[in-house]
């Protein structure tokens, strides 16, 4: 059995270090796209002292999301996403848009959270 050629739709996915969604991400795209995943540091349960609001806010505002997005530049994704809910909404309305804009600026493609 030969595998089909990879699709032209490359998705850049920035996920926290503790994210366990890899299998789900592949299932969701179901061959229609090719997900490229990069992880941030600082969101691993062993690195955080219990996911306090201050810690989660620090990740949302810190440089690591942008640094993780930078690691996807060579992939040249057609679209990107940040895959985490608590970090996305901890700063309230617009916090998610800020994260999406930072990723989009780094990768030169549309991004969502």
Foldseek 3Di string as FASTA:
>chain_A
DDDDDQEPAEEEEEEEPCDDCPVVVCVVCVRVYHYDYFYFYQPHPVNDDPPDLVSLQCVLPDDRLLVRLLVCQVVLHQEYEYDDDCSQDSVHPPSQVVSQVSSCVNRVHGYGD
